[in-house]
């Protein structure tokens, strides 16, 4: 869960490379983490798109 949190913080801070590194690490770890990253990115996208 620390990597998911770190990924989200990196996204909020505009640290694209670090966010991608955390996401890739999680995606390649297990199918459960892959789903977790996808869900979290969906939530982040909806939050950023909201006026």
PDB file of N, CA and C in Angstrom:
ATOM      1  N   UNK A   1       0.821  -1.201   0.000  1.00  0.00           N
ATOM      2  CA  UNK A   1       0.000   0.000   0.000  1.00  0.00           C
ATOM      3  C   UNK A   1       0.860   1.259   0.000  1.00  0.00           C
ATOM      4  N   UNK A   2       2.084   1.162   0.504  1.00  0.00           N
ATOM      5  CA  UNK A   2       2.965   2.325   0.529  1.00  0.00           C
ATOM      6  C   UNK A   2       3.306   2.772  -0.889  1.00  0.00           C
ATOM      7  N   UNK A   3       3.458   1.819  -1.807  1.00  0.00           N
ATOM      8  CA  UNK A   3       3.785   2.170  -3.191  1.00  0.00           C
ATOM      9  C   UNK A   3       2.599   2.852  -3.864  1.00  0.00           C
ATOM     10  N   UNK A   4       1.396   2.423  -3.546  1.00  0.00           N
ATOM     11  CA  UNK A   4       0.206   3.053  -4.125  1.00  0.00           C
ATOM     12  C   UNK A   4       0.107   4.489  -3.637  1.00  0.00           C
ATOM     13  N   UNK A   5       0.341   4.688  -2.366  1.00  0.00           N
ATOM     14  CA  UNK A   5       0.319   6.031  -1.799  1.00  0.00           C
ATOM     15  C   UNK A   5       1.424   6.892  -2.398  1.00  0.00           C
ATOM     16  N   UNK A   6       2.610   6.326  -2.535  1.00  0.00           N
ATOM     17  CA  UNK A   6       3.729   7.069  -3.119  1.00  0.00           C
ATOM     18  C   UNK A   6       3.446   7.428  -4.572  1.00  0.00           C
ATOM     19  N   UNK A   7       2.799   6.523  -5.300  1.00  0.00           N
ATOM     20  CA  UNK A   7       2.438   6.799  -6.685  1.00  0.00           C
ATOM     21  C   UNK A   7       1.473   7.986  -6.746  1.00  0.00           C
ATOM     22  N   UNK A   8       0.480   7.978  -5.883  1.00  0.00           N
ATOM     23  CA  UNK A   8      -0.505   9.055  -5.876  1.00  0.00           C
ATOM     24  C   UNK A   8       0.137  10.387  -5.492  1.00  0.00           C
ATOM     25  N   UNK A   9       1.034  10.378  -4.518  1.00  0.00           N
ATOM     26  CA  UNK A   9       1.729  11.607  -4.128  1.00  0.00           C
ATOM     27  C   UNK A   9       2.582  12.135  -5.271  1.00  0.00           C
ATOM     28  N   UNK A  10       3.254  11.236  -5.977  1.00  0.00           N
ATOM     29  CA  UNK A  10       4.083  11.647  -7.109  1.00  0.00           C
ATOM     30  C   UNK A  10       3.219  12.279  -8.200  1.00  0.00           C
ATOM     31  N   UNK A  11       2.045  11.726  -8.430  1.00  0.00           N
ATOM     32  CA  UNK A  11       1.132  12.288  -9.429  1.00  0.00           C
ATOM     33  C   UNK A  11       0.704  13.690  -9.008  1.00  0.00           C
ATOM     34  N   UNK A  12       0.322  13.855  -7.741  1.00  0.00           N
ATOM     35  CA  UNK A  12      -0.112  15.161  -7.260  1.00  0.00           C
ATOM     36  C   UNK A  12       0.994  16.199  -7.338  1.00  0.00           C
ATOM     37  N   UNK A  13       2.234  15.764  -7.159  1.00  0.00           N
ATOM     38  CA  UNK A  13       3.372  16.684  -7.186  1.00  0.00           C
ATOM     39  C   UNK A  13       3.926  16.899  -8.586  1.00  0.00           C
ATOM     40  N   UNK A  14       3.370  16.201  -9.567  1.00  0.00           N
ATOM     41  CA  UNK A  14       3.814  16.364 -10.944  1.00  0.00           C
ATOM     42  C   UNK A  14       5.104  15.629 -11.263  1.00  0.00           C
ATOM     43  N   UNK A  15       5.441  14.630 -10.469  1.00  0.00           N
ATOM     44  CA  UNK A  15       6.656  13.839 -10.675  1.00  0.00           C
ATOM     45  C   UNK A  15       6.309  12.628 -11.534  1.00  0.00           C
ATOM     46  N   UNK A  16       6.265  12.850 -12.829  1.00  0.00           N
ATOM     47  CA  UNK A  16       5.777  11.833 -13.761  1.00  0.00           C
ATOM     48  C   UNK A  16       6.622  10.569 -13.756  1.00  0.00           C
ATOM     49  N   UNK A  17       7.931  10.725 -13.806  1.00  0.00           N
ATOM     50  CA  UNK A  17       8.808   9.550 -13.874  1.00  0.00           C
ATOM     51  C   UNK A  17       8.669   8.685 -12.617  1.00  0.00           C
ATOM     52  N   UNK A  18       8.661   9.326 -11.455  1.00  0.00           N
ATOM     53  CA  UNK A  18       8.537   8.579 -10.212  1.00  0.00           C
ATOM     54  C   UNK A  18       7.189   7.869 -10.124  1.00  0.00           C
ATOM     55  N   UNK A  19       6.127   8.550 -10.547  1.00  0.00           N
ATOM     56  CA  UNK A  19       4.797   7.940 -10.542  1.00  0.00           C
ATOM     57  C   UNK A  19       4.758   6.710 -11.445  1.00  0.00           C
ATOM     58  N   UNK A  20       5.377   6.832 -12.617  1.00  0.00           N
ATOM     59  CA  UNK A  20       5.404   5.710 -13.548  1.00  0.00           C
ATOM     60  C   UNK A  20       6.218   4.554 -12.986  1.00  0.00           C
ATOM     61  N   UNK A  21       7.321   4.853 -12.327  1.00  0.00           N
ATOM     62  CA  UNK A  21       8.146   3.793 -11.740  1.00  0.00           C
ATOM     63  C   UNK A  21       7.367   3.029 -10.666  1.00  0.00           C
ATOM     64  N   UNK A  22       6.655   3.757  -9.804  1.00  0.00           N
ATOM     65  CA  UNK A  22       5.845   3.090  -8.781  1.00  0.00           C
ATOM     66  C   UNK A  22       4.743   2.255  -9.425  1.00  0.00           C
ATOM     67  N   UNK A  23       4.083   2.806 -10.431  1.00  0.00           N
ATOM     68  CA  UNK A  23       2.995   2.084 -11.105  1.00  0.00           C
ATOM     69  C   UNK A  23       3.518   0.816 -11.778  1.00  0.00           C
ATOM     70  N   UNK A  24       4.629   0.921 -12.475  1.00  0.00           N
ATOM     71  CA  UNK A  24       5.199  -0.254 -13.158  1.00  0.00           C
ATOM     72  C   UNK A  24       5.609  -1.328 -12.164  1.00  0.00           C
ATOM     73  N   UNK A  25       6.210  -0.916 -11.072  1.00  0.00           N
ATOM     74  CA  UNK A  25       6.619  -1.878 -10.043  1.00  0.00           C
ATOM     75  C   UNK A  25       5.403  -2.627  -9.500  1.00  0.00           C
ATOM     76  N   UNK A  26       4.332  -1.905  -9.228  1.00  0.00           N
ATOM     77  CA  UNK A  26       3.122  -2.535  -8.702  1.00  0.00           C
ATOM     78  C   UNK A  26       2.460  -3.442  -9.736  1.00  0.00           C
ATOM     79  N   UNK A  27       2.388  -2.976 -10.964  1.00  0.00           N
ATOM     80  CA  UNK A  27       1.721  -3.747 -12.017  1.00  0.00           C
ATOM     81  C   UNK A  27       2.418  -5.079 -12.247  1.00  0.00           C
ATOM     82  N   UNK A  28       3.744  -5.083 -12.169  1.00  0.00           N
ATOM     83  CA  UNK A  28       4.494  -6.309 -12.422  1.00  0.00           C
ATOM     84  C   UNK A  28       4.602  -7.214 -11.200  1.00  0.00           C
ATOM     85  N   UNK A  29       4.132  -6.753 -10.041  1.00  0.00           N
ATOM     86  CA  UNK A  29       4.235  -7.543  -8.815  1.00  0.00           C
ATOM     87  C   UNK A  29       3.198  -8.656  -8.774  1.00  0.00           C
ATOM     88  N   UNK A  30       1.933  -8.293  -8.969  1.00  0.00           N
ATOM     89  CA  UNK A  30       0.871  -9.299  -8.926  1.00  0.00           C
ATOM     90  C   UNK A  30      -0.375  -8.770  -9.619  1.00  0.00           C
ATOM     91  N   UNK A  31      -1.284  -9.682  -9.896  1.00  0.00           N
ATOM     92  CA  UNK A  31      -2.532  -9.302 -10.553  1.00  0.00           C
ATOM     93  C   UNK A  31      -3.387  -8.424  -9.636  1.00  0.00           C
ATOM     94  N   UNK A  32      -3.342  -8.689  -8.342  1.00  0.00           N
ATOM     95  CA  UNK A  32      -4.113  -7.893  -7.388  1.00  0.00           C
ATOM     96  C   UNK A  32      -3.618  -6.443  -7.360  1.00  0.00           C
ATOM     97  N   UNK A  33      -2.299  -6.259  -7.362  1.00  0.00           N
ATOM     98  CA  UNK A  33      -1.749  -4.908  -7.373  1.00  0.00           C
ATOM     99  C   UNK A  33      -2.031  -4.219  -8.704  1.00  0.00           C
ATOM    100  N   UNK A  34      -2.037  -4.994  -9.779  1.00  0.00           N
ATOM    101  CA  UNK A  34      -2.373  -4.437 -11.096  1.00  0.00           C
ATOM    102  C   UNK A  34      -3.778  -3.840 -11.059  1.00  0.00           C
ATOM    103  N   UNK A  35      -4.715  -4.584 -10.514  1.00  0.00           N
ATOM    104  CA  UNK A  35      -6.092  -4.098 -10.407  1.00  0.00           C
ATOM    105  C   UNK A  35      -6.172  -2.881  -9.494  1.00  0.00           C
ATOM    106  N   UNK A  36      -5.411  -2.908  -8.412  1.00  0.00           N
ATOM    107  CA  UNK A  36      -5.412  -1.800  -7.460  1.00  0.00           C
ATOM    108  C   UNK A  36      -4.896  -0.517  -8.125  1.00  0.00           C
ATOM    109  N   UNK A  37      -3.828  -0.641  -8.909  1.00  0.00           N
ATOM    110  CA  UNK A  37      -3.265   0.525  -9.601  1.00  0.00           C
ATOM    111  C   UNK A  37      -4.277   1.068 -10.609  1.00  0.00           C
ATOM    112  N   UNK A  38      -4.900   0.189 -11.356  1.00  0.00           N
ATOM    113  CA  UNK A  38      -5.889   0.627 -12.354  1.00  0.00           C
ATOM    114  C   UNK A  38      -7.054   1.355 -11.687  1.00  0.00           C
ATOM    115  N   UNK A  39      -7.541   0.816 -10.600  1.00  0.00           N
ATOM    116  CA  UNK A  39      -8.641   1.450  -9.879  1.00  0.00           C
ATOM    117  C   UNK A  39      -8.227   2.803  -9.319  1.00  0.00           C
ATOM    118  N   UNK A  40      -7.044   2.877  -8.745  1.00  0.00           N
ATOM    119  CA  UNK A  40      -6.565   4.131  -8.161  1.00  0.00           C
ATOM    120  C   UNK A  40      -6.374   5.188  -9.240  1.00  0.00           C
ATOM    121  N   UNK A  41      -5.811   4.794 -10.391  1.00  0.00           N
ATOM    122  CA  UNK A  41      -5.620   5.748 -11.480  1.00  0.00           C
ATOM    123  C   UNK A  41      -6.950   6.248 -12.012  1.00  0.00           C
ATOM    124  N   UNK A  42      -7.957   5.377 -12.030  1.00  0.00           N
ATOM    125  CA  UNK A  42      -9.286   5.803 -12.466  1.00  0.00           C
ATOM    126  C   UNK A  42      -9.855   6.861 -11.520  1.00  0.00           C
ATOM    127  N   UNK A  43      -9.713   6.637 -10.227  1.00  0.00           N
ATOM    128  CA  UNK A  43     -10.188   7.597  -9.234  1.00  0.00           C
ATOM    129  C   UNK A  43      -9.446   8.921  -9.366  1.00  0.00           C
ATOM    130  N   UNK A  44      -8.132   8.852  -9.551  1.00  0.00           N
ATOM    131  CA  UNK A  44      -7.331  10.069  -9.705  1.00  0.00           C
ATOM    132  C   UNK A  44      -7.759  10.844 -10.941  1.00  0.00           C
ATOM    133  N   UNK A  45      -8.004  10.137 -12.039  1.00  0.00           N
ATOM    134  CA  UNK A  45      -8.425  10.807 -13.269  1.00  0.00           C
ATOM    135  C   UNK A  45      -9.773  11.497 -13.095  1.00  0.00           C
ATOM    136  N   UNK A  46     -10.694  10.850 -12.421  1.00  0.00           N
ATOM    137  CA  UNK A  46     -12.010  11.455 -12.190  1.00  0.00           C
ATOM    138  C   UNK A  46     -11.879  12.665 -11.286  1.00  0.00           C
ATOM    139  N   UNK A  47     -10.994  12.591 -10.308  1.00  0.00           N
ATOM    140  CA  UNK A  47     -10.795  13.707  -9.384  1.00  0.00           C
ATOM    141  C   UNK A  47     -10.175  14.896 -10.099  1.00  0.00           C
ATOM    142  N   UNK A  48      -9.202  14.640 -10.954  1.00  0.00           N
ATOM    143  CA  UNK A  48      -8.549  15.724 -11.691  1.00  0.00           C
ATOM    144  C   UNK A  48      -9.461  16.343 -12.740  1.00  0.00           C
ATOM    145  N   UNK A  49     -10.384  15.551 -13.280  1.00  0.00           N
ATOM    146  CA  UNK A  49     -11.270  16.037 -14.328  1.00  0.00           C
ATOM    147  C   UNK A  49     -12.467  16.826 -13.762  1.00  0.00           C
ATOM    148  N   UNK A  50     -12.743  16.672 -12.477  1.00  0.00           N
ATOM    149  CA  UNK A  50     -13.884  17.348 -11.869  1.00  0.00           C
ATOM    150  C   UNK A  50     -13.613  18.851 -11.786  1.00  0.00           C
ATOM    151  N   UNK A  51     -14.618  19.662 -12.093  1.00  0.00           N
ATOM    152  CA  UNK A  51     -14.430  21.127 -12.044  1.00  0.00           C
ATOM    153  C   UNK A  51     -14.314  21.645 -10.631  1.00  0.00           C
TER     154      UNK A  51
END
